[in-house]
N, C-alpha and C. Protein backbone atom coordinates (compact mmCIF):
# COMPACT_ATOMS: atom_id res chain seq x y z
N MET A 1 3.21 -14.48 29.56
CA MET A 1 3.35 -15.31 28.84
C MET A 1 4.30 -14.77 28.11
N LEU A 2 4.39 -13.77 27.38
CA LEU A 2 5.22 -13.09 26.59
C LEU A 2 6.74 -13.26 27.11
N SER A 3 6.93 -12.75 28.43
CA SER A 3 8.39 -13.28 29.17
C SER A 3 8.77 -14.29 29.08
N GLU A 4 7.58 -15.42 29.26
CA GLU A 4 8.35 -16.60 29.40
C GLU A 4 8.46 -17.23 28.15
N ARG A 5 8.01 -16.77 27.03
CA ARG A 5 8.65 -17.26 25.59
C ARG A 5 9.86 -16.41 25.25
N ARG A 6 10.16 -15.24 25.93
CA ARG A 6 11.30 -14.57 25.64
C ARG A 6 12.52 -15.42 26.15
N LYS A 7 12.25 -16.01 27.17
CA LYS A 7 13.35 -16.58 28.04
C LYS A 7 13.63 -18.05 27.52
N ASP A 8 12.56 -18.61 26.72
CA ASP A 8 12.90 -20.18 26.15
C ASP A 8 13.10 -19.99 24.61
N ARG A 9 14.13 -19.36 24.48
CA ARG A 9 14.72 -19.28 23.27
C ARG A 9 16.08 -20.26 22.74
N SER A 10 16.30 -20.29 21.38
CA SER A 10 17.21 -21.25 20.97
C SER A 10 17.91 -20.43 20.10
N GLY A 11 19.47 -20.77 19.94
CA GLY A 11 20.08 -19.68 18.77
C GLY A 11 20.40 -20.66 17.70
N GLU A 12 19.96 -21.94 17.81
CA GLU A 12 19.82 -22.91 16.68
C GLU A 12 18.79 -22.85 16.13
N THR A 13 18.60 -22.59 14.84
CA THR A 13 17.48 -22.37 13.82
C THR A 13 16.28 -23.37 13.80
N TYR A 14 16.71 -24.84 13.76
CA TYR A 14 15.78 -25.60 14.04
C TYR A 14 14.99 -25.68 15.23
N ALA A 15 15.76 -25.67 16.05
CA ALA A 15 15.17 -25.61 17.62
C ALA A 15 14.39 -24.35 17.76
N ALA A 16 14.94 -23.30 17.27
CA ALA A 16 14.00 -22.02 17.36
C ALA A 16 12.63 -22.09 16.93
N VAL A 17 12.49 -22.58 15.59
CA VAL A 17 11.26 -23.11 14.74
C VAL A 17 10.35 -23.75 15.75
N ARG A 18 10.87 -24.88 16.00
CA ARG A 18 10.29 -26.24 16.98
C ARG A 18 9.67 -25.26 17.91
N LYS A 19 10.26 -24.50 18.79
CA LYS A 19 9.88 -23.76 20.03
C LYS A 19 8.96 -22.60 19.85
N GLN A 20 9.01 -22.18 18.73
CA GLN A 20 7.97 -21.20 18.35
C GLN A 20 6.51 -21.87 17.74
N LEU A 21 6.75 -22.88 17.12
CA LEU A 21 5.59 -23.68 16.80
C LEU A 21 4.90 -24.56 18.08
N ALA A 22 5.99 -24.59 18.96
CA ALA A 22 5.48 -25.41 20.16
C ALA A 22 4.54 -24.56 21.09
N ALA A 23 5.13 -23.10 20.95
CA ALA A 23 4.47 -21.90 21.50
C ALA A 23 3.06 -21.63 20.87
N ILE A 24 2.86 -22.03 19.48
CA ILE A 24 1.58 -21.65 18.86
C ILE A 24 0.78 -22.58 19.46
N ALA A 25 1.15 -23.85 19.57
CA ALA A 25 0.29 -25.15 19.64
C ALA A 25 -0.35 -24.98 21.27
N ARG A 26 0.64 -24.50 22.08
CA ARG A 26 0.30 -24.43 23.40
C ARG A 26 -0.81 -23.08 23.59
N ASP A 27 -0.64 -22.22 23.08
CA ASP A 27 -1.32 -21.02 23.12
C ASP A 27 -3.00 -21.32 22.32
N GLY A 28 -2.96 -22.17 21.21
CA GLY A 28 -3.99 -22.53 20.45
C GLY A 28 -4.87 -23.57 21.15
N GLU A 29 -4.10 -24.57 22.17
CA GLU A 29 -4.47 -25.78 22.50
C GLU A 29 -4.68 -26.78 21.20
N PHE A 30 -3.82 -26.81 20.37
CA PHE A 30 -3.62 -27.55 19.11
C PHE A 30 -2.58 -28.80 19.46
N ARG A 31 -3.41 -30.10 19.09
CA ARG A 31 -2.57 -31.17 19.03
C ARG A 31 -1.36 -31.11 18.66
N THR A 32 -1.22 -30.48 17.49
CA THR A 32 0.25 -30.28 16.88
C THR A 32 0.05 -29.31 15.79
N VAL A 33 1.41 -28.52 15.41
CA VAL A 33 1.29 -27.53 14.44
C VAL A 33 2.69 -28.00 13.70
N LEU A 34 2.56 -27.89 12.46
CA LEU A 34 3.69 -28.07 11.69
C LEU A 34 3.81 -27.31 10.36
N ILE A 35 5.00 -27.30 9.82
CA ILE A 35 5.45 -26.81 8.56
C ILE A 35 5.80 -28.03 7.57
N ALA A 36 5.28 -27.74 6.25
CA ALA A 36 5.76 -28.87 5.49
C ALA A 36 5.54 -28.27 4.10
N ASP A 37 6.65 -28.96 3.26
CA ASP A 37 6.80 -28.50 1.86
C ASP A 37 5.74 -28.82 0.79
N CYS A 38 6.11 -28.59 -0.46
CA CYS A 38 4.69 -28.85 -1.27
C CYS A 38 4.81 -30.21 -1.81
N ASP A 39 5.35 -30.96 -1.29
CA ASP A 39 5.41 -32.30 -1.37
C ASP A 39 4.91 -33.23 -0.10
N GLY A 40 4.66 -32.45 1.03
CA GLY A 40 4.22 -32.79 1.94
C GLY A 40 5.04 -33.46 3.18
N LEU A 41 6.35 -33.11 2.81
CA LEU A 41 7.37 -33.35 3.90
C LEU A 41 7.69 -32.37 4.90
N VAL A 42 7.20 -32.86 6.06
CA VAL A 42 7.13 -32.10 7.25
C VAL A 42 8.85 -31.32 7.52
N ILE A 43 8.92 -30.00 7.49
CA ILE A 43 10.02 -29.33 7.82
C ILE A 43 10.27 -29.17 9.24
N ALA A 44 9.45 -28.93 9.93
CA ALA A 44 9.55 -28.61 11.36
C ALA A 44 8.05 -28.84 12.01
N ALA A 45 8.23 -29.15 13.20
CA ALA A 45 6.69 -29.48 13.82
C ALA A 45 7.03 -29.13 15.37
N SER A 46 5.47 -29.02 16.16
CA SER A 46 5.61 -28.33 17.47
C SER A 46 6.28 -29.84 18.38
N ASN A 47 5.77 -30.90 17.79
CA ASN A 47 6.26 -32.10 18.85
C ASN A 47 6.38 -33.33 17.67
N ASN A 48 6.72 -34.24 18.31
CA ASN A 48 6.86 -35.78 17.61
C ASN A 48 5.61 -36.34 17.33
N ASP A 49 4.63 -35.87 17.17
CA ASP A 49 3.27 -36.76 16.98
C ASP A 49 3.23 -37.56 15.88
N PRO A 50 3.07 -38.79 15.94
CA PRO A 50 2.90 -39.68 14.63
C PRO A 50 2.23 -39.10 13.68
N ILE A 51 1.11 -38.36 13.91
CA ILE A 51 0.25 -37.87 12.91
C ILE A 51 0.84 -36.60 11.71
N ASN A 52 1.79 -36.37 12.49
CA ASN A 52 2.13 -35.16 11.81
C ASN A 52 2.89 -35.58 10.00
N ASP A 53 3.37 -36.71 9.73
CA ASP A 53 3.67 -37.02 8.46
C ASP A 53 2.48 -37.06 7.63
N SER A 54 1.34 -37.65 8.15
CA SER A 54 -0.06 -37.75 7.44
C SER A 54 -0.65 -36.20 7.27
N LEU A 55 -0.54 -35.59 8.37
CA LEU A 55 -0.90 -34.21 8.19
C LEU A 55 -0.50 -33.45 6.91
N GLY A 56 1.00 -33.57 6.86
CA GLY A 56 1.76 -32.77 5.59
C GLY A 56 1.21 -33.26 4.47
N VAL A 57 0.92 -34.58 4.18
CA VAL A 57 0.74 -35.13 2.84
C VAL A 57 -0.86 -34.68 2.51
N LEU A 58 -1.59 -34.53 3.47
CA LEU A 58 -3.33 -34.26 3.47
C LEU A 58 -3.33 -32.90 2.98
N GLY A 59 -2.35 -31.89 3.57
CA GLY A 59 -2.60 -30.78 3.42
C GLY A 59 -2.41 -30.33 1.83
N VAL A 60 -1.52 -31.22 1.51
CA VAL A 60 -0.78 -30.65 -0.01
C VAL A 60 -1.80 -31.35 -0.99
N HIS A 61 -3.02 -32.09 -0.77
CA HIS A 61 -4.02 -32.51 -1.73
C HIS A 61 -5.19 -31.29 -1.66
N TYR A 62 -5.31 -30.78 -0.60
CA TYR A 62 -6.18 -29.56 -0.58
C TYR A 62 -5.83 -28.22 -1.00
N PHE A 63 -4.60 -28.20 -1.20
CA PHE A 63 -4.14 -27.09 -1.99
C PHE A 63 -3.51 -26.77 -3.13
N TYR A 64 -3.33 -28.12 -3.70
CA TYR A 64 -2.81 -28.26 -5.08
C TYR A 64 -4.04 -28.18 -6.13
N LYS A 65 -3.63 -27.26 -7.24
CA LYS A 65 -4.50 -27.25 -8.34
C LYS A 65 -4.30 -28.39 -9.29
N ARG A 66 -4.86 -29.38 -9.33
CA ARG A 66 -4.43 -30.50 -10.34
C ARG A 66 -4.27 -30.32 -11.89
N GLU A 67 -5.01 -29.34 -12.19
CA GLU A 67 -5.07 -28.93 -13.77
C GLU A 67 -3.50 -28.19 -14.23
N SER A 68 -3.14 -27.19 -13.27
CA SER A 68 -2.21 -26.46 -13.41
C SER A 68 -1.01 -26.79 -12.68
N ASN A 69 -0.86 -27.72 -11.54
CA ASN A 69 0.30 -27.87 -10.81
C ASN A 69 0.94 -26.93 -10.24
N GLU A 70 0.09 -26.04 -9.67
CA GLU A 70 0.66 -25.00 -8.84
C GLU A 70 -0.54 -24.99 -7.49
N LEU A 71 0.23 -24.26 -6.65
CA LEU A 71 -0.58 -24.07 -5.24
C LEU A 71 -1.55 -22.92 -5.46
N VAL A 72 -2.42 -23.13 -4.75
CA VAL A 72 -3.43 -21.69 -4.76
C VAL A 72 -2.55 -20.75 -3.92
N PRO A 73 -3.02 -19.53 -4.33
CA PRO A 73 -2.49 -18.27 -3.69
C PRO A 73 -2.69 -18.65 -2.22
N GLU A 74 -1.78 -17.65 -1.36
CA GLU A 74 -1.86 -17.82 -0.02
C GLU A 74 -3.24 -17.64 0.81
N LYS A 75 -3.56 -18.58 1.53
CA LYS A 75 -5.01 -18.61 2.19
C LYS A 75 -4.80 -19.61 3.35
N THR A 76 -6.09 -19.53 3.98
CA THR A 76 -6.48 -20.45 5.23
C THR A 76 -7.74 -21.42 5.05
N PHE A 77 -7.54 -22.50 5.06
CA PHE A 77 -8.70 -23.22 5.15
C PHE A 77 -8.68 -24.31 6.51
N VAL A 78 -9.97 -24.26 6.68
CA VAL A 78 -10.43 -25.08 7.93
C VAL A 78 -11.04 -26.14 7.50
N LEU A 79 -10.27 -27.38 7.74
CA LEU A 79 -11.36 -28.98 7.28
C LEU A 79 -11.94 -29.38 8.76
N ARG A 80 -13.15 -29.41 8.79
CA ARG A 80 -13.75 -29.88 10.02
C ARG A 80 -14.47 -31.18 9.82
N ASN A 81 -14.21 -32.13 10.99
CA ASN A 81 -14.49 -33.43 10.91
C ASN A 81 -15.63 -33.37 12.09
N ARG A 82 -16.80 -33.76 11.56
CA ARG A 82 -18.01 -33.64 12.54
C ARG A 82 -18.15 -34.68 13.37
N LYS A 83 -17.82 -35.96 13.11
CA LYS A 83 -17.72 -37.04 13.84
C LYS A 83 -17.19 -36.67 15.17
N ASP A 84 -15.61 -36.22 15.07
CA ASP A 84 -15.02 -35.94 16.74
C ASP A 84 -14.86 -34.68 16.76
N HIS A 85 -15.45 -33.85 15.88
CA HIS A 85 -15.16 -32.16 16.26
C HIS A 85 -13.93 -31.78 15.99
N SER A 86 -12.94 -32.52 15.41
CA SER A 86 -11.66 -31.86 15.33
C SER A 86 -11.45 -31.08 13.87
N SER A 87 -10.54 -30.21 13.75
CA SER A 87 -10.09 -29.66 12.83
C SER A 87 -8.94 -29.62 12.30
N ILE A 88 -8.82 -29.43 10.95
CA ILE A 88 -7.36 -29.27 10.39
C ILE A 88 -7.25 -28.02 9.81
N ILE A 89 -6.21 -27.04 10.46
CA ILE A 89 -6.20 -25.87 9.83
C ILE A 89 -4.87 -25.91 8.78
N VAL A 90 -5.10 -25.26 7.67
CA VAL A 90 -3.96 -25.66 6.75
C VAL A 90 -3.81 -24.19 5.96
N HIS A 91 -2.45 -23.72 6.13
CA HIS A 91 -2.48 -22.19 5.54
C HIS A 91 -1.24 -22.37 4.46
N SER A 92 -1.33 -21.80 3.27
CA SER A 92 -0.29 -21.65 2.36
C SER A 92 0.39 -20.31 2.47
N PHE A 93 1.79 -20.44 2.14
CA PHE A 93 2.74 -19.26 2.50
C PHE A 93 3.85 -19.43 1.76
N THR A 94 4.70 -18.35 1.61
CA THR A 94 6.07 -18.44 0.85
C THR A 94 7.00 -18.09 2.16
N LEU A 95 7.86 -19.23 2.08
CA LEU A 95 9.20 -19.20 3.04
C LEU A 95 10.47 -19.51 2.18
N VAL A 96 11.34 -18.75 2.37
CA VAL A 96 12.57 -18.58 1.73
C VAL A 96 12.41 -19.01 0.17
N ASP A 97 11.48 -18.26 -0.47
CA ASP A 97 11.19 -18.25 -1.90
C ASP A 97 10.52 -19.67 -2.32
N GLN A 98 9.86 -20.48 -1.08
CA GLN A 98 9.32 -21.79 -1.43
C GLN A 98 8.06 -21.72 -0.96
N ARG A 99 7.01 -22.32 -1.65
CA ARG A 99 5.39 -22.54 -1.15
C ARG A 99 5.56 -23.31 0.10
N VAL A 100 5.18 -23.19 1.18
CA VAL A 100 4.88 -24.07 2.25
C VAL A 100 3.45 -24.17 2.76
N LEU A 101 3.21 -25.20 3.79
CA LEU A 101 2.13 -25.00 4.27
C LEU A 101 2.06 -25.13 5.75
N LEU A 102 1.64 -24.32 6.41
CA LEU A 102 1.61 -24.23 8.06
C LEU A 102 0.18 -25.37 8.47
N MET A 103 0.23 -25.92 9.08
CA MET A 103 -0.84 -26.94 9.40
C MET A 103 -1.09 -26.96 11.20
N ALA A 104 -2.29 -27.28 11.63
CA ALA A 104 -2.42 -27.47 12.93
C ALA A 104 -3.38 -28.59 13.11
N LEU A 105 -3.61 -29.34 13.93
CA LEU A 105 -4.71 -30.08 14.22
C LEU A 105 -5.63 -29.57 15.59
N ALA A 106 -6.74 -29.34 15.62
CA ALA A 106 -7.26 -28.78 16.69
C ALA A 106 -8.68 -29.25 17.18
N LYS A 107 -9.19 -28.98 18.34
CA LYS A 107 -10.30 -29.41 18.60
C LYS A 107 -11.20 -28.16 18.53
N ASP A 108 -10.54 -26.98 18.92
CA ASP A 108 -11.42 -25.58 18.89
C ASP A 108 -10.65 -24.61 17.76
N VAL A 109 -11.33 -23.92 16.88
CA VAL A 109 -10.75 -23.29 15.77
C VAL A 109 -11.02 -21.79 16.06
N LYS A 110 -11.71 -21.50 17.25
CA LYS A 110 -11.57 -20.03 17.40
C LYS A 110 -10.47 -19.13 17.41
N SER A 111 -10.67 -18.14 17.00
CA SER A 111 -9.39 -16.91 16.75
C SER A 111 -8.32 -17.81 16.18
N ILE A 112 -8.41 -18.49 15.40
CA ILE A 112 -7.22 -19.04 14.36
C ILE A 112 -6.51 -17.95 13.82
N HIS A 113 -6.89 -17.02 13.32
CA HIS A 113 -6.02 -16.12 12.41
C HIS A 113 -5.10 -15.43 13.03
N PRO A 114 -4.95 -14.81 14.59
CA PRO A 114 -4.09 -14.20 14.83
C PRO A 114 -2.95 -15.43 15.11
N LEU A 115 -3.24 -16.63 15.63
CA LEU A 115 -2.13 -17.87 15.68
C LEU A 115 -1.41 -17.93 14.63
N VAL A 116 -2.30 -18.20 13.42
CA VAL A 116 -1.82 -18.42 11.90
C VAL A 116 -0.77 -17.25 11.79
N ASN A 117 -1.24 -15.98 11.99
CA ASN A 117 -0.44 -14.85 11.51
C ASN A 117 1.05 -14.96 12.26
N ARG A 118 0.77 -15.30 13.63
CA ARG A 118 1.89 -15.36 14.57
C ARG A 118 2.74 -16.47 14.14
N ALA A 119 2.44 -17.47 13.86
CA ALA A 119 3.23 -18.67 13.55
C ALA A 119 4.05 -18.41 11.99
N VAL A 120 3.17 -17.96 11.17
CA VAL A 120 3.91 -17.58 9.92
C VAL A 120 4.88 -16.51 9.90
N SER A 121 4.69 -15.40 10.73
CA SER A 121 5.63 -14.54 10.90
C SER A 121 6.75 -14.67 11.58
N GLY A 122 6.67 -15.58 12.47
CA GLY A 122 7.73 -16.12 13.50
C GLY A 122 8.65 -17.11 12.46
N ALA A 123 7.79 -17.86 11.78
CA ALA A 123 8.63 -18.95 11.01
C ALA A 123 9.75 -18.02 9.80
N LYS A 124 9.11 -16.97 9.41
CA LYS A 124 9.70 -16.26 8.25
C LYS A 124 10.87 -15.39 9.15
N ARG A 125 10.55 -14.89 10.31
CA ARG A 125 11.72 -14.15 11.28
C ARG A 125 12.66 -15.03 11.39
N ILE A 126 12.39 -16.29 11.80
CA ILE A 126 13.69 -17.17 12.23
C ILE A 126 14.36 -17.75 11.07
N LEU A 127 13.65 -18.14 9.92
CA LEU A 127 14.25 -18.84 8.65
C LEU A 127 14.65 -18.11 7.69
N GLU A 128 14.23 -16.83 7.57
CA GLU A 128 14.55 -16.24 6.30
C GLU A 128 15.82 -14.83 7.00
N ASN A 129 16.16 -15.00 7.94
CA ASN A 129 17.12 -13.96 8.52
C ASN A 129 18.53 -15.04 8.67
């Protein structure tokens, strides 16, 4: 798997981030993985799933402190839907001096922290260099 990822690279920044998010989605068996800004605007996503825009907006609502107009510190939330057993993973972090959200839509949320950490470090490596 590692050698396969090393071969499938791009020198173009946006394509590189999309490939990195697609690898996270594939490894975690997520429907989609995306990075959104503090307004919920999708910056990059693992695919063109129509749900991406809605996820971006939804994530902002869970991270915003309404009274202070600031995002909560870096942390991960998992929102679970009991009806269809799906989960939304939301992680806030700083990227290029801006707070952003990493989000994923998943059926199974086992071992998400290594995947979240890999996605965040990959996005920072690609976009901050």
